[in-house]
Amino acid sequence: MPGPMGSPRPSRRARRVVALRAAACVALAAAAGGTADRPAAAVAASVGPGVVLLVTVDKHTWQPYEYGSAFFFDGSGDAYTASHVVADAVRDTNVMLVAVVNHAEYAARVACWNPAMLGAPGAIGRDVAIVHVGPEVPLFPLWGFAPATSALAAVPLRIRTSSAPPRAGAVRVVGFGGRAGHSPIPVEREGRLTGTARAPDGATILTMRFPAAAAPVNGDSGAPVVDGGVVVGLAAWVRTRAVTTEVDAVAASSFGCVAHVPAGQNPLRPTDAPIRRP
């Protein structure tokens, strides 16, 4: 049964503590090798700075309980992630988002998402949301990172614009799965795009295969799927096999979201209010 790759959510009573499956606690080094036209080091240099660690935080205790990945698509701070990563920030007034960019924390809010994606367990479709990062910063440090002291530098990634599905071949997922906030550097995991399918909601879904020991894990939800330095999809769902792991991603041609979230829907409480840096 497919499952989302956001970090696992404990019960509402216990979720002020981050809970990770054992497999998600293994920090993996960046994959060696590269694509035919660009080595792995160059892909990391061009993609890594645009990938964001996104954390859901309890407003009262300032404790993180879930995390996922996101990536910038413009220089103003707008980023794509998975809808299931930010669902609690939309539905629960006690939850806020914090984004870690270049080792520093910024406040984030959900601008648009697809709530229908969360209606049926195991559903695969347009699991995409848009978050806006900064320029506000939180008052308190999270996971050892520090509130930002300089303006946000959002590095937008290049996104594939063709509506035709990408060809099968080597791809990389670049996200924070398994890092649990211990490092602000995303991990690259190399796999192969093996096929495409059409979801009931019309989204194009990419299926990728990875070695089970080096596959995307919890926390990689919302991470970009990269082919030669260009984003071709957004990782969202995982199916674990005995030897290999299959990951489903929303193709770049299906990145649209439908439910816009008012900027003031989840206002911060005065004790948690972020401060604006010059």
Protein backbone atom coordinates (compact mmCIF):
# COMPACT_ATOMS: atom_id res chain seq x y z
CA MET A 1 0.00 0.00 0.00
CA PRO A 2 1.49 3.38 -0.91
CA GLY A 3 2.13 5.82 1.88
CA PRO A 4 3.11 9.51 2.07
CA MET A 5 6.76 10.35 2.65
CA GLY A 6 6.24 13.18 5.12
CA SER A 7 7.71 12.37 8.50
CA PRO A 8 5.22 10.11 10.35
CA ARG A 9 2.60 11.83 12.49
CA PRO A 10 2.04 10.52 16.04
CA SER A 11 -1.34 10.78 17.75
CA ARG A 12 -2.51 14.34 18.37
CA ARG A 13 -1.73 13.99 22.07
CA ALA A 14 1.85 12.83 21.48
CA ARG A 15 2.86 14.63 18.33
CA ARG A 16 4.79 17.43 20.03
CA VAL A 17 7.75 15.09 19.81
CA VAL A 18 9.19 14.23 16.42
CA ALA A 19 8.74 10.53 15.72
CA LEU A 20 10.73 8.83 12.98
CA ARG A 21 10.79 5.25 11.81
CA ALA A 22 14.17 3.57 12.18
CA ALA A 23 14.69 3.55 8.44
CA ALA A 24 14.25 7.30 8.37
CA CYS A 25 17.04 7.84 10.89
CA VAL A 26 19.80 6.69 8.56
CA ALA A 27 21.62 9.66 7.06
CA LEU A 28 22.82 8.74 3.58
CA ALA A 29 25.66 10.38 1.69
CA ALA A 30 24.97 11.99 -1.68
CA ALA A 31 24.88 9.45 -4.47
CA ALA A 32 28.08 9.08 -6.48
CA GLY A 33 28.21 9.31 -10.26
CA GLY A 34 26.15 11.56 -12.49
CA THR A 35 23.95 11.91 -15.51
CA ALA A 36 25.32 11.67 -19.01
CA ASP A 37 25.43 15.44 -19.44
CA ARG A 38 26.11 16.65 -15.90
CA PRO A 39 28.13 15.13 -13.01
CA ALA A 40 26.54 14.65 -9.59
CA ALA A 41 28.60 17.45 -8.01
CA ALA A 42 27.28 19.95 -10.52
CA VAL A 43 23.69 18.81 -9.98
CA ALA A 44 24.12 19.27 -6.22
CA ALA A 45 25.61 22.73 -6.67
CA SER A 46 22.73 23.91 -8.87
CA VAL A 47 19.82 22.19 -7.09
CA GLY A 48 20.76 21.94 -3.40
CA PRO A 49 20.53 25.67 -2.53
CA GLY A 50 16.96 25.76 -3.83
CA VAL A 51 15.71 22.88 -1.64
CA VAL A 52 14.12 23.82 1.69
CA LEU A 53 13.65 21.97 4.98
CA LEU A 54 10.00 22.57 5.98
CA VAL A 55 8.92 21.91 9.59
CA THR A 56 5.49 21.97 11.26
CA VAL A 57 5.74 23.40 14.76
CA ASP A 58 3.43 23.55 17.79
CA LYS A 59 2.86 27.25 18.53
CA HIS A 60 2.55 26.80 22.28
CA THR A 61 5.67 24.72 22.96
CA TRP A 62 7.75 25.57 19.89
CA GLN A 63 8.29 21.83 19.43
CA PRO A 64 8.57 20.36 15.91
CA TYR A 65 6.57 17.21 15.20
CA GLU A 66 6.75 16.75 11.42
CA TYR A 67 9.04 17.76 8.63
CA GLY A 68 9.27 17.52 4.87
CA SER A 69 10.99 19.06 1.88
CA ALA A 70 10.14 21.91 -0.50
CA PHE A 71 11.85 23.76 -3.34
CA PHE A 72 11.74 27.34 -4.58
CA PHE A 73 10.25 28.14 -7.97
CA ASP A 74 10.74 31.91 -7.88
CA GLY A 75 13.03 34.41 -6.19
CA SER A 76 10.31 35.92 -3.97
CA GLY A 77 10.15 32.91 -1.64
CA ASP A 78 7.40 30.80 -3.23
CA ALA A 79 8.06 27.07 -3.04
CA TYR A 80 6.37 23.81 -3.98
CA THR A 81 5.85 21.01 -1.46
CA ALA A 82 3.39 18.14 -0.94
CA SER A 83 -0.13 18.89 0.32
CA HIS A 84 0.09 16.23 3.02
CA VAL A 85 3.20 17.91 4.48
CA VAL A 86 1.33 21.15 5.21
CA ALA A 87 -2.17 19.82 5.94
CA ASP A 88 -1.97 20.45 9.69
CA ALA A 89 -0.75 24.01 9.17
CA VAL A 90 -3.94 24.70 7.18
CA ARG A 91 -6.39 22.85 9.42
CA ASP A 92 -5.00 23.49 12.91
CA THR A 93 -4.63 27.03 14.32
CA ASN A 94 -2.07 25.72 16.82
CA VAL A 95 0.35 24.78 14.06
CA MET A 96 2.77 27.00 12.18
CA LEU A 97 5.42 26.38 9.52
CA VAL A 98 9.12 27.08 9.78
CA ALA A 99 11.45 26.87 6.76
CA VAL A 100 15.20 26.35 7.08
CA VAL A 101 17.10 28.04 4.24
CA ASN A 102 20.90 28.30 4.17
CA HIS A 103 21.13 27.20 7.84
CA ALA A 104 18.67 29.92 8.96
CA GLU A 105 15.01 29.85 9.97
CA TYR A 106 12.18 31.79 8.33
CA ALA A 107 8.45 31.74 8.94
CA ALA A 108 6.38 30.16 6.17
CA ARG A 109 2.67 30.02 5.33
CA VAL A 110 0.55 27.90 3.01
CA ALA A 111 -0.71 29.85 0.00
CA CYS A 112 -2.43 27.08 -1.95
CA TRP A 113 -3.02 23.33 -1.60
CA ASN A 114 -5.13 20.37 -2.72
CA PRO A 115 -7.23 19.14 0.24
CA ALA A 116 -8.98 16.49 -1.86
CA MET A 117 -5.68 14.58 -1.95
CA LEU A 118 -6.12 13.69 1.72
CA GLY A 119 -9.56 12.14 1.37
CA ALA A 120 -8.61 8.52 0.68
CA PRO A 121 -5.69 6.59 2.21
CA GLY A 122 -3.27 5.50 -0.46
CA ALA A 123 -4.67 7.88 -3.07
CA ILE A 124 -2.12 9.13 -5.57
CA GLY A 125 -2.83 12.33 -7.41
CA ARG A 126 -2.10 16.05 -7.43
CA ASP A 127 -0.44 16.06 -3.98
CA VAL A 128 0.98 19.57 -4.41
CA ALA A 129 0.93 22.75 -2.33
CA ILE A 130 2.54 26.19 -2.53
CA VAL A 131 4.13 27.80 0.52
CA HIS A 132 5.55 31.29 0.84
CA VAL A 133 8.77 31.57 2.85
CA GLY A 134 9.82 34.71 4.77
CA PRO A 135 10.85 37.45 5.08
CA GLU A 136 9.59 37.10 8.69
CA VAL A 137 11.71 34.96 11.02
CA PRO A 138 10.75 33.03 14.18
CA LEU A 139 11.81 34.27 17.60
CA PHE A 140 13.21 30.97 18.86
CA PRO A 141 15.83 28.56 17.49
CA LEU A 142 14.63 25.22 16.13
CA TRP A 143 16.73 22.04 16.02
CA GLY A 144 19.86 24.07 16.71
CA PHE A 145 19.42 26.42 13.74
CA ALA A 146 19.23 30.16 14.31
CA PRO A 147 16.61 32.73 13.29
CA ALA A 148 17.71 34.50 10.12
CA THR A 149 19.68 37.72 10.43
CA SER A 150 19.68 38.60 6.73
CA ALA A 151 17.19 38.83 3.90
CA LEU A 152 15.93 35.59 2.37
CA ALA A 153 17.94 34.46 -0.66
CA ALA A 154 15.55 32.17 -2.55
CA VAL A 155 17.25 30.21 -5.33
CA PRO A 156 14.56 29.12 -7.81
CA LEU A 157 14.98 25.76 -9.52
CA ARG A 158 14.41 25.24 -13.22
CA ILE A 159 11.15 23.31 -13.77
CA ARG A 160 10.29 21.30 -16.85
CA THR A 161 7.56 22.99 -18.88
CA SER A 162 6.69 20.26 -21.39
CA SER A 163 3.33 18.56 -20.91
CA ALA A 164 4.72 15.32 -22.35
CA PRO A 165 5.90 12.83 -19.71
CA PRO A 166 9.70 12.71 -19.28
CA ARG A 167 11.51 9.72 -20.75
CA ALA A 168 12.55 6.78 -18.60
CA GLY A 169 16.08 7.04 -17.25
CA ALA A 170 18.22 8.15 -14.32
CA VAL A 171 16.69 10.72 -11.95
CA ARG A 172 17.49 12.05 -8.50
CA VAL A 173 15.33 12.93 -5.49
CA VAL A 174 16.92 15.77 -3.52
CA GLY A 175 15.36 16.13 -0.06
CA PHE A 176 15.74 16.03 3.70
CA GLY A 177 14.46 12.49 4.32
CA GLY A 178 16.29 10.81 7.19
CA ARG A 179 17.99 14.04 8.26
CA ALA A 180 15.48 14.91 10.99
CA GLY A 181 16.79 18.46 10.95
CA HIS A 182 20.31 17.44 11.93
CA SER A 183 21.75 18.92 8.75
CA PRO A 184 20.59 21.79 6.52
CA ILE A 185 22.08 20.01 3.50
CA PRO A 186 19.69 17.89 1.42
CA VAL A 187 20.62 14.36 0.41
CA GLU A 188 20.59 13.18 -3.22
CA ARG A 189 19.33 9.68 -3.96
CA GLU A 190 19.66 8.27 -7.44
CA GLY A 191 17.07 6.01 -9.02
CA ARG A 192 15.44 5.30 -12.35
CA LEU A 193 12.22 6.65 -13.79
CA THR A 194 10.45 3.48 -14.92
CA GLY A 195 7.04 4.66 -16.09
CA THR A 196 4.17 7.13 -15.99
CA ALA A 197 0.44 6.83 -15.24
CA ARG A 198 -2.66 9.00 -15.10
CA ALA A 199 -4.26 9.55 -11.69
CA PRO A 200 -8.06 9.77 -11.26
CA ASP A 201 -7.77 13.56 -10.81
CA GLY A 202 -5.95 13.86 -14.14
CA ALA A 203 -2.45 14.34 -12.74
CA THR A 204 0.49 12.64 -14.43
CA ILE A 205 2.28 10.38 -11.95
CA LEU A 206 5.92 9.33 -12.32
CA THR A 207 7.05 5.98 -10.90
CA MET A 208 10.70 5.59 -9.89
CA ARG A 209 12.65 2.62 -8.59
CA PHE A 210 15.48 2.82 -6.03
CA PRO A 211 17.64 0.26 -4.23
CA ALA A 212 15.85 -0.36 -0.92
CA ALA A 213 18.95 0.59 1.11
CA ALA A 214 19.36 3.96 -0.63
CA ALA A 215 15.80 5.06 -1.35
CA PRO A 216 13.89 8.22 -0.43
CA VAL A 217 12.35 7.96 3.04
CA ASN A 218 10.10 9.90 5.42
CA GLY A 219 10.89 13.59 5.15
CA ASP A 220 11.46 13.47 1.38
CA SER A 221 7.83 14.38 0.69
CA GLY A 222 7.80 17.54 -1.39
CA ALA A 223 11.36 17.04 -2.64
CA PRO A 224 12.16 17.80 -6.28
CA VAL A 225 12.73 14.96 -8.74
CA VAL A 226 15.61 16.12 -10.90
CA ASP A 227 16.75 15.06 -14.35
CA GLY A 228 19.94 16.76 -15.54
CA GLY A 229 19.44 19.73 -13.23
CA VAL A 230 15.79 20.29 -14.26
CA VAL A 231 12.83 19.48 -11.96
CA VAL A 232 10.52 16.93 -13.59
CA GLY A 233 8.38 16.06 -10.56
CA LEU A 234 7.64 16.27 -6.83
CA ALA A 235 8.15 13.17 -4.65
CA ALA A 236 5.12 12.21 -2.56
CA TRP A 237 4.41 8.50 -2.07
CA VAL A 238 6.51 5.40 -1.40
CA ARG A 239 5.97 1.64 -1.74
CA THR A 240 8.58 -0.56 -0.09
CA ARG A 241 9.50 -3.89 -1.64
CA ALA A 242 11.92 -6.56 -0.42
CA VAL A 243 14.85 -5.46 -2.58
CA THR A 244 13.70 -2.24 -4.21
CA THR A 245 11.58 0.76 -3.27
CA GLU A 246 9.16 2.44 -5.65
CA VAL A 247 8.45 6.15 -5.28
CA ASP A 248 5.58 7.98 -6.95
CA ALA A 249 5.93 11.64 -7.85
CA VAL A 250 3.60 14.25 -9.29
CA ALA A 251 4.92 15.27 -12.72
CA ALA A 252 5.85 18.93 -13.23
CA SER A 253 3.02 19.26 -15.74
CA SER A 254 0.57 18.60 -12.85
CA PHE A 255 1.92 21.08 -10.29
CA GLY A 256 -1.31 23.10 -10.04
CA CYS A 257 -3.18 23.50 -6.74
CA VAL A 258 -6.76 24.68 -6.28
CA ALA A 259 -7.59 25.75 -2.70
CA HIS A 260 -6.11 29.14 -1.85
CA VAL A 261 -5.48 29.81 1.84
CA PRO A 262 -6.04 33.36 3.16
CA ALA A 263 -2.87 34.90 4.55
CA GLY A 264 -4.49 35.44 7.96
CA GLN A 265 -6.07 32.00 8.38
CA ASN A 266 -3.35 30.79 10.76
CA PRO A 267 -2.23 33.97 12.57
CA LEU A 268 0.62 33.62 15.04
CA ARG A 269 -0.07 34.27 18.69
CA PRO A 270 1.71 37.36 20.10
CA THR A 271 4.18 35.22 22.07
CA ASP A 272 5.14 33.38 18.92
CA ALA A 273 5.03 36.29 16.50
CA PRO A 274 7.97 36.39 14.12
CA ILE A 275 10.15 39.45 13.89
CA ARG A 276 10.92 41.15 10.62
CA ARG A 277 14.56 41.63 9.76
CA PRO A 278 15.75 44.44 7.48
